Amino acid sequence: MTKKKFTDLVLESEKTLYRVSMSMLKNESDCEDAVQTAILTAYEKLFDLKREEFFKTWLVRILINVCNKQLRFRSRHSEMTDDIGETSLGSEQIEVRQALDKLPPKIKQTVILYYIEQFSVKEIKQILKIPEGTVKSRLSKGRELLRLELS
């Protein structure tokens, strides 16, 4: 893969990377660091990518690993909280975001990848390295929990 092709694919994935990292880290600067680290890691490990058509899935998996690493570090060293700019969101959007935040992390991650980032069940299976049935059950559980929370 050429540098130009890599750059083009990263730019195509930019919004997805930002939303996934923000949903996990909830902090603008941590989010930016995670995305940059994931892109750098992907570039350094580009030879590991077997098929170019799976680039976005592969890059999101790297990003999730980076975010999980940051979360482990954060939990070991300090309790940092930083509200995202909810003032620009409508009350319904805030309510949905708060309901999403109450979901268990693995279910939340799956719900965000499916409903917000529009990945298919097969792609989520590859990203999270879990069976397809697990993806479906997490989505079902997430819908149920969200329905209970929002009703």
Protein backbone atom coordinates (compact mmCIF):
# COMPACT_ATOMS: atom_id res chain seq x y z
CA MET A 1 0.00 0.00 0.00
CA THR A 2 1.35 3.41 -0.93
CA LYS A 3 1.57 6.37 1.45
CA LYS A 4 -1.08 8.16 -0.61
CA LYS A 5 -3.49 5.23 -0.39
CA PHE A 6 -2.87 4.93 3.36
CA THR A 7 -3.53 8.65 3.82
CA ASP A 8 -6.72 8.48 1.74
CA LEU A 9 -8.05 5.52 3.74
CA VAL A 10 -7.23 7.21 7.04
CA LEU A 11 -9.00 10.39 5.95
CA GLU A 12 -12.06 8.35 4.95
CA SER A 13 -12.09 6.77 8.42
CA GLU A 14 -11.44 9.98 10.36
CA LYS A 15 -14.99 10.63 11.61
CA THR A 16 -15.49 7.02 12.64
CA LEU A 17 -12.21 6.99 14.54
CA TYR A 18 -13.13 10.17 16.35
CA ARG A 19 -16.63 8.98 17.32
CA VAL A 20 -15.43 5.57 18.50
CA SER A 21 -12.63 7.02 20.62
CA MET A 22 -14.85 9.79 22.02
CA SER A 23 -17.50 7.24 22.98
CA MET A 24 -14.90 5.31 24.93
CA LEU A 25 -12.69 8.04 26.39
CA LYS A 26 -15.10 11.00 26.77
CA ASN A 27 -12.23 13.46 26.69
CA GLU A 28 -11.23 15.52 23.67
CA SER A 29 -7.47 15.48 24.23
CA ASP A 30 -7.40 11.77 25.11
CA CYS A 31 -9.50 11.10 22.03
CA GLU A 32 -7.09 12.99 19.78
CA ASP A 33 -4.10 11.19 21.32
CA ALA A 34 -5.75 7.80 20.84
CA VAL A 35 -6.58 8.46 17.20
CA GLN A 36 -3.06 9.68 16.46
CA THR A 37 -1.54 6.69 18.24
CA ALA A 38 -3.79 4.29 16.35
CA ILE A 39 -2.89 5.85 13.00
CA LEU A 40 0.82 5.71 13.80
CA THR A 41 0.53 2.11 14.98
CA ALA A 42 -1.38 1.18 11.83
CA TYR A 43 1.28 2.77 9.64
CA GLU A 44 4.06 0.94 11.49
CA LYS A 45 2.21 -2.38 11.27
CA LEU A 46 0.83 -1.95 7.76
CA PHE A 47 2.57 -5.15 6.69
CA ASP A 48 0.24 -7.06 9.08
CA LEU A 49 -2.81 -6.06 7.07
CA LYS A 50 -3.66 -9.05 4.91
CA ARG A 51 -6.44 -7.54 2.76
CA GLU A 52 -6.78 -3.87 1.93
CA GLU A 53 -10.59 -3.96 1.90
CA PHE A 54 -10.53 -4.61 5.67
CA PHE A 55 -8.41 -1.52 6.38
CA LYS A 56 -11.14 0.42 8.22
CA THR A 57 -12.12 -2.56 10.37
CA TRP A 58 -8.46 -3.23 11.17
CA LEU A 59 -7.81 0.43 12.03
CA VAL A 60 -10.86 0.62 14.32
CA ARG A 61 -9.65 -2.53 16.12
CA ILE A 62 -6.25 -0.86 16.68
CA LEU A 63 -8.03 2.27 17.96
CA ILE A 64 -10.16 0.25 20.40
CA ASN A 65 -7.01 -1.41 21.75
CA VAL A 66 -5.36 2.00 22.19
CA CYS A 67 -8.46 3.36 23.96
CA ASN A 68 -8.65 0.33 26.25
CA LYS A 69 -5.00 0.80 27.13
CA GLN A 70 -5.63 4.47 27.97
CA LEU A 71 -8.64 3.54 30.10
CA ARG A 72 -6.60 0.97 32.05
CA PHE A 73 -3.85 3.54 32.59
CA ARG A 74 -6.39 6.16 33.66
CA SER A 75 -8.10 3.85 36.13
CA ARG A 76 -4.79 2.87 37.69
CA HIS A 77 -3.44 6.39 38.06
CA SER A 78 -6.31 8.78 38.66
CA GLU A 79 -9.99 9.47 38.30
CA MET A 80 -10.22 12.04 35.54
CA THR A 81 -13.59 13.26 34.32
CA ASP A 82 -14.25 15.73 31.60
CA ASP A 83 -17.70 16.56 30.29
CA ILE A 84 -18.07 16.69 26.58
CA GLY A 85 -19.80 19.73 25.19
CA GLU A 86 -23.37 18.67 25.77
CA THR A 87 -24.69 22.22 25.51
CA SER A 88 -24.81 21.92 21.73
CA LEU A 89 -26.96 18.79 21.90
CA GLY A 90 -30.75 18.70 22.12
CA SER A 91 -32.39 17.31 25.25
CA GLU A 92 -33.30 14.04 23.48
CA GLN A 93 -29.73 13.59 22.29
CA ILE A 94 -28.43 14.23 25.79
CA GLU A 95 -30.89 11.70 27.17
CA VAL A 96 -29.79 9.06 24.64
CA ARG A 97 -26.11 9.80 25.30
CA GLN A 98 -26.67 9.44 29.04
CA ALA A 99 -28.54 6.17 28.48
CA LEU A 100 -25.66 4.91 26.31
CA ASP A 101 -23.17 5.88 29.00
CA LYS A 102 -25.03 3.70 31.50
CA LEU A 103 -24.61 0.58 29.36
CA PRO A 104 -21.90 -1.91 30.32
CA PRO A 105 -18.73 -1.10 28.31
CA LYS A 106 -18.80 -4.18 26.05
CA ILE A 107 -22.47 -3.70 25.19
CA LYS A 108 -22.01 0.04 24.68
CA GLN A 109 -19.08 -0.52 22.36
CA THR A 110 -21.08 -2.98 20.25
CA VAL A 111 -24.15 -0.72 20.11
CA ILE A 112 -22.06 2.28 19.02
CA LEU A 113 -20.25 0.31 16.33
CA TYR A 114 -23.56 -0.99 14.95
CA TYR A 115 -26.00 1.89 15.27
CA ILE A 116 -23.75 4.94 15.14
CA GLU A 117 -20.83 3.78 13.03
CA GLN A 118 -22.98 1.55 10.81
CA PHE A 119 -20.66 -1.47 10.89
CA SER A 120 -22.28 -4.80 10.02
CA VAL A 121 -22.47 -7.66 12.51
CA LYS A 122 -19.69 -9.44 10.56
CA GLU A 123 -17.45 -6.37 10.70
CA ILE A 124 -18.06 -5.95 14.44
CA LYS A 125 -17.21 -9.62 14.89
CA GLN A 126 -13.85 -8.96 13.22
CA ILE A 127 -13.21 -5.70 15.06
CA LEU A 128 -13.95 -7.07 18.53
CA LYS A 129 -12.73 -10.60 17.78
CA ILE A 130 -15.85 -12.22 19.21
CA PRO A 131 -18.34 -14.71 17.73
CA GLU A 132 -21.19 -13.38 15.59
CA GLY A 133 -23.72 -14.71 18.11
CA THR A 134 -22.08 -12.66 20.85
CA VAL A 135 -22.37 -9.51 18.73
CA LYS A 136 -26.07 -10.21 18.19
CA SER A 137 -26.72 -10.94 21.86
CA ARG A 138 -24.91 -7.75 22.93
CA LEU A 139 -27.00 -5.74 20.47
CA SER A 140 -30.17 -7.34 21.79
CA LYS A 141 -29.17 -6.70 25.39
CA GLY A 142 -28.19 -3.13 24.53
CA ARG A 143 -31.55 -2.44 22.88
CA GLU A 144 -33.35 -3.87 25.90
CA LEU A 145 -31.32 -1.82 28.38
CA LEU A 146 -31.76 1.35 26.34
CA ARG A 147 -35.50 0.78 26.04
CA LEU A 148 -35.76 0.35 29.83
CA GLU A 149 -33.61 3.41 30.48
CA LEU A 150 -35.40 5.66 28.02
CA SER A 151 -38.97 4.64 28.92
